[in-house]
Amino acid sequence: MRALVLLVCLTACCLAQRPQQCKSPPLLSGGFSVASSNGKLMAFAKYNYDALGKRIRLREFGSYGNKSFHFDVLLLYNQGVLYKINYRNQTCCKKALSMEFHPLEIPESANLLAQEVVGSSSGPFQGVLVNTWAGEMQLKKGQVKYISSVTQFGCVPVSTLYHTEKTGWMVTSFYNNVIGITDPGHFIPPSFCKDAKMEKDDGEDPVDFYDLF
């Protein structure tokens, strides 16, 4: 009987330690860098992510094809609206969002590749335990392959490799993540967006969280 109880306890411990697919914190702020494998794209961005209100704000700058760009976008999925904001010119472009909100998560269909330590495991506080997952998903623009790493504790994003036929492989590395929204005002359109009229969707704007990278 004791042997049976011990076996059950050991089995429960093993199952508890096995990494599980997870959802990232519903409120996140921080930064990330993104680069394409062909060298055409290199960018850095600050982001605010609200899965509860289904809102995302991105302020990004970088270069594509040797041309620099600046990108400031507010996506309000509950309202079905996307704002492209230009503070320098005090202009605002308003378009419809036709896609549903895509949360930052490891899907249930993802397969575990490995569990590893980023940094060092030689001493306390020298490394972070992360889980790396791989899978595919169907988006509006086609089939997407991804490899995502998140922290074992908290499911905070660390990096994502993302592949489509159009873009090839792209790598996104997260940093300075903060659980919570540092400034809720980032989700409020500036005053000069008040009178912006809805423009026709040309299919070129981001429609989900993966497309934003």
Protein backbone atom coordinates (compact mmCIF):
# COMPACT_ATOMS: atom_id res chain seq x y z
CA MET A 1 0.00 0.00 0.00
CA ARG A 2 2.82 2.40 0.90
CA ALA A 3 4.53 1.51 -2.37
CA LEU A 4 1.34 2.39 -4.28
CA VAL A 5 1.03 5.76 -2.50
CA LEU A 6 4.69 6.53 -3.22
CA LEU A 7 4.22 5.65 -6.91
CA VAL A 8 1.18 7.93 -7.16
CA CYS A 9 3.09 10.78 -5.50
CA LEU A 10 6.08 10.37 -7.81
CA THR A 11 3.83 10.29 -10.87
CA ALA A 12 2.05 13.45 -9.74
CA CYS A 13 5.39 15.22 -9.22
CA CYS A 14 6.60 14.25 -12.70
CA LEU A 15 3.38 15.50 -14.31
CA ALA A 16 3.57 18.75 -12.36
CA GLN A 17 7.11 19.40 -13.56
CA ARG A 18 6.38 18.79 -17.22
CA PRO A 19 6.09 22.14 -19.10
CA GLN A 20 2.56 22.99 -20.18
CA GLN A 21 1.22 25.24 -22.92
CA CYS A 22 0.38 28.61 -21.37
CA LYS A 23 -0.95 32.13 -21.80
CA SER A 24 1.21 35.17 -21.14
CA PRO A 25 0.09 37.72 -18.53
CA PRO A 26 -2.93 39.63 -19.86
CA LEU A 27 -1.25 43.00 -19.23
CA LEU A 28 2.31 43.48 -20.49
CA SER A 29 4.58 46.37 -21.39
CA GLY A 30 8.13 46.37 -22.68
CA GLY A 31 10.24 46.33 -25.79
CA PHE A 32 11.34 43.99 -28.53
CA SER A 33 13.66 43.86 -31.51
CA VAL A 34 12.80 42.19 -34.80
CA ALA A 35 15.03 41.16 -37.69
CA SER A 36 14.54 39.19 -40.90
CA SER A 37 16.82 36.40 -42.03
CA ASN A 38 17.46 38.12 -45.37
CA GLY A 39 18.78 41.24 -43.63
CA LYS A 40 16.20 43.59 -45.13
CA LEU A 41 14.41 44.36 -41.87
CA MET A 42 15.80 45.52 -38.53
CA ALA A 43 13.55 47.28 -36.04
CA PHE A 44 13.05 48.12 -32.38
CA ALA A 45 9.75 48.76 -30.69
CA LYS A 46 8.02 49.60 -27.45
CA TYR A 47 4.74 47.80 -26.87
CA ASN A 48 1.72 47.82 -24.57
CA TYR A 49 -0.45 44.71 -24.60
CA ASP A 50 -3.89 44.39 -23.01
CA ALA A 51 -5.53 41.01 -23.55
CA LEU A 52 -8.43 41.90 -21.23
CA GLY A 53 -9.49 44.92 -23.27
CA LYS A 54 -8.11 43.42 -26.50
CA ARG A 55 -5.85 46.41 -27.21
CA ILE A 56 -2.28 46.74 -28.51
CA ARG A 57 -0.11 49.83 -28.91
CA LEU A 58 3.16 49.70 -30.84
CA ARG A 59 5.76 52.42 -31.43
CA GLU A 60 8.42 51.08 -33.75
CA PHE A 61 11.40 52.42 -35.67
CA GLY A 62 13.92 50.71 -37.90
CA SER A 63 14.97 50.14 -41.48
CA TYR A 64 13.66 48.07 -44.34
CA GLY A 65 15.57 47.75 -47.58
CA ASN A 66 18.01 50.50 -46.48
CA LYS A 67 15.11 52.90 -45.88
CA SER A 68 14.30 54.05 -42.37
CA PHE A 69 10.74 54.09 -41.04
CA HIS A 70 8.74 55.02 -37.95
CA PHE A 71 5.55 53.19 -37.09
CA ASP A 72 3.02 54.14 -34.38
CA VAL A 73 -0.15 52.07 -34.33
CA LEU A 74 -3.04 51.55 -31.93
CA LEU A 75 -5.22 48.48 -32.41
CA LEU A 76 -8.60 48.42 -30.66
CA TYR A 77 -9.98 44.98 -31.45
CA ASN A 78 -13.16 45.39 -29.39
CA GLN A 79 -14.03 48.39 -31.53
CA GLY A 80 -12.69 46.86 -34.74
CA VAL A 81 -10.52 49.92 -35.36
CA LEU A 82 -6.85 50.50 -36.19
CA TYR A 83 -5.19 53.92 -35.84
CA LYS A 84 -1.91 54.82 -37.56
CA ILE A 85 -0.66 57.87 -35.68
CA ASN A 86 1.78 60.56 -36.77
CA TYR A 87 2.53 63.03 -33.98
CA ARG A 88 4.96 65.04 -36.12
CA ASN A 89 2.33 65.89 -38.71
CA GLN A 90 -0.60 65.66 -36.25
CA THR A 91 -2.35 63.23 -38.60
CA CYS A 92 -4.24 60.02 -37.99
CA CYS A 93 -5.23 57.21 -40.35
CA LYS A 94 -8.24 55.15 -39.23
CA LYS A 95 -9.01 51.72 -40.67
CA ALA A 96 -11.21 48.75 -39.85
CA LEU A 97 -9.85 45.65 -38.11
CA SER A 98 -11.52 42.59 -39.55
CA MET A 99 -9.61 39.91 -37.64
CA GLU A 100 -10.23 38.67 -34.11
CA PHE A 101 -7.76 39.45 -31.34
CA HIS A 102 -4.90 36.94 -31.17
CA PRO A 103 -3.62 36.56 -27.58
CA LEU A 104 0.03 36.15 -26.74
CA GLU A 105 0.18 32.47 -25.82
CA ILE A 106 1.58 29.03 -26.51
CA PRO A 107 -1.25 27.23 -28.38
CA GLU A 108 -2.40 23.82 -27.21
CA SER A 109 -1.26 22.36 -30.54
CA ALA A 110 2.37 23.45 -29.94
CA ASN A 111 5.04 20.82 -29.38
CA LEU A 112 7.70 21.16 -26.69
CA LEU A 113 11.20 21.32 -28.18
CA ALA A 114 13.30 21.85 -25.09
CA GLN A 115 13.60 23.34 -21.64
CA GLU A 116 16.76 25.34 -21.09
CA VAL A 117 18.37 28.04 -19.00
CA VAL A 118 19.02 31.44 -20.58
CA GLY A 119 22.20 32.72 -18.98
CA SER A 120 23.90 30.42 -16.47
CA SER A 121 22.74 27.71 -14.07
CA SER A 122 26.02 27.82 -12.12
CA GLY A 123 24.65 30.06 -9.38
CA PRO A 124 21.45 31.67 -8.09
CA PHE A 125 19.94 34.55 -10.11
CA GLN A 126 22.35 33.95 -13.01
CA GLY A 127 19.83 32.47 -15.42
CA VAL A 128 16.16 32.12 -16.37
CA LEU A 129 14.43 28.80 -17.03
CA VAL A 130 12.55 28.90 -20.36
CA ASN A 131 10.50 26.50 -22.45
CA THR A 132 10.77 26.44 -26.23
CA TRP A 133 7.77 25.37 -28.32
CA ALA A 134 7.18 24.86 -32.04
CA GLY A 135 4.11 24.61 -34.21
CA GLU A 136 2.06 25.96 -37.09
CA MET A 137 -1.07 28.09 -37.31
CA GLN A 138 -3.35 29.31 -40.05
CA LEU A 139 -3.63 33.08 -40.39
CA LYS A 140 -5.32 35.28 -42.97
CA LYS A 141 -2.08 35.58 -44.93
CA GLY A 142 -1.43 31.84 -44.98
CA GLN A 143 0.25 29.11 -42.97
CA VAL A 144 2.69 30.27 -40.31
CA LYS A 145 5.49 28.31 -38.68
CA TYR A 146 6.78 29.47 -35.31
CA ILE A 147 9.27 28.62 -32.57
CA SER A 148 8.53 30.48 -29.32
CA SER A 149 10.37 30.63 -26.02
CA VAL A 150 8.65 31.73 -22.81
CA THR A 151 9.69 31.69 -19.17
CA GLN A 152 8.74 28.56 -17.24
CA PHE A 153 7.34 30.70 -14.45
CA GLY A 154 4.89 33.34 -15.66
CA CYS A 155 4.89 32.48 -19.39
CA VAL A 156 6.60 35.79 -20.17
CA PRO A 157 7.73 35.97 -23.84
CA VAL A 158 11.48 35.70 -24.49
CA SER A 159 11.79 35.20 -28.25
CA THR A 160 9.85 34.07 -31.29
CA LEU A 161 10.96 32.75 -34.67
CA TYR A 162 8.22 33.27 -37.24
CA HIS A 163 8.10 32.04 -40.85
CA THR A 164 5.87 32.70 -43.84
CA GLU A 165 6.52 32.22 -47.54
CA LYS A 166 6.46 35.99 -48.02
CA THR A 167 8.79 37.05 -45.19
CA GLY A 168 10.95 33.98 -44.62
CA TRP A 169 12.22 33.59 -41.06
CA MET A 170 11.93 36.55 -38.71
CA VAL A 171 13.20 36.65 -35.13
CA THR A 172 11.67 38.73 -32.35
CA SER A 173 13.49 39.16 -29.02
CA PHE A 174 11.65 40.63 -26.04
CA TYR A 175 13.31 42.67 -23.29
CA ASN A 176 12.43 44.93 -20.33
CA ASN A 177 9.10 43.17 -19.91
CA VAL A 178 6.88 44.54 -17.15
CA ILE A 179 3.71 42.81 -16.01
CA GLY A 180 1.10 45.54 -16.17
CA ILE A 181 0.49 48.69 -18.19
CA THR A 182 2.86 51.52 -17.31
CA ASP A 183 0.61 54.19 -18.86
CA PRO A 184 -3.06 53.44 -19.72
CA GLY A 185 -3.05 56.60 -21.84
CA HIS A 186 -1.24 54.67 -24.56
CA PHE A 187 -4.58 53.07 -25.44
CA ILE A 188 -6.37 56.39 -25.93
CA PRO A 189 -6.23 57.89 -29.46
CA PRO A 190 -4.74 61.41 -29.48
CA SER A 191 -7.13 64.33 -29.87
CA PHE A 192 -6.29 64.86 -33.55
CA CYS A 193 -7.67 61.36 -34.29
CA LYS A 194 -11.16 62.38 -33.17
CA ASP A 195 -12.34 63.48 -36.61
CA ALA A 196 -10.47 60.80 -38.58
CA LYS A 197 -12.70 59.10 -41.13
CA MET A 198 -12.65 55.37 -41.73
CA GLU A 199 -10.49 54.56 -44.75
CA LYS A 200 -10.74 51.56 -47.02
CA ASP A 201 -8.75 48.52 -45.93
CA ASP A 202 -5.91 47.92 -48.39
CA GLY A 203 -4.84 44.64 -46.76
CA GLU A 204 -1.39 45.96 -45.89
CA ASP A 205 -1.89 46.79 -42.21
CA PRO A 206 -1.28 44.36 -39.36
CA VAL A 207 -4.32 42.35 -38.34
CA ASP A 208 -3.04 40.21 -35.48
CA PHE A 209 -0.24 40.11 -32.96
CA TYR A 210 2.09 37.98 -35.09
CA ASP A 211 1.69 40.27 -38.10
CA LEU A 212 2.84 43.18 -35.94
CA PHE A 213 6.32 41.69 -35.73
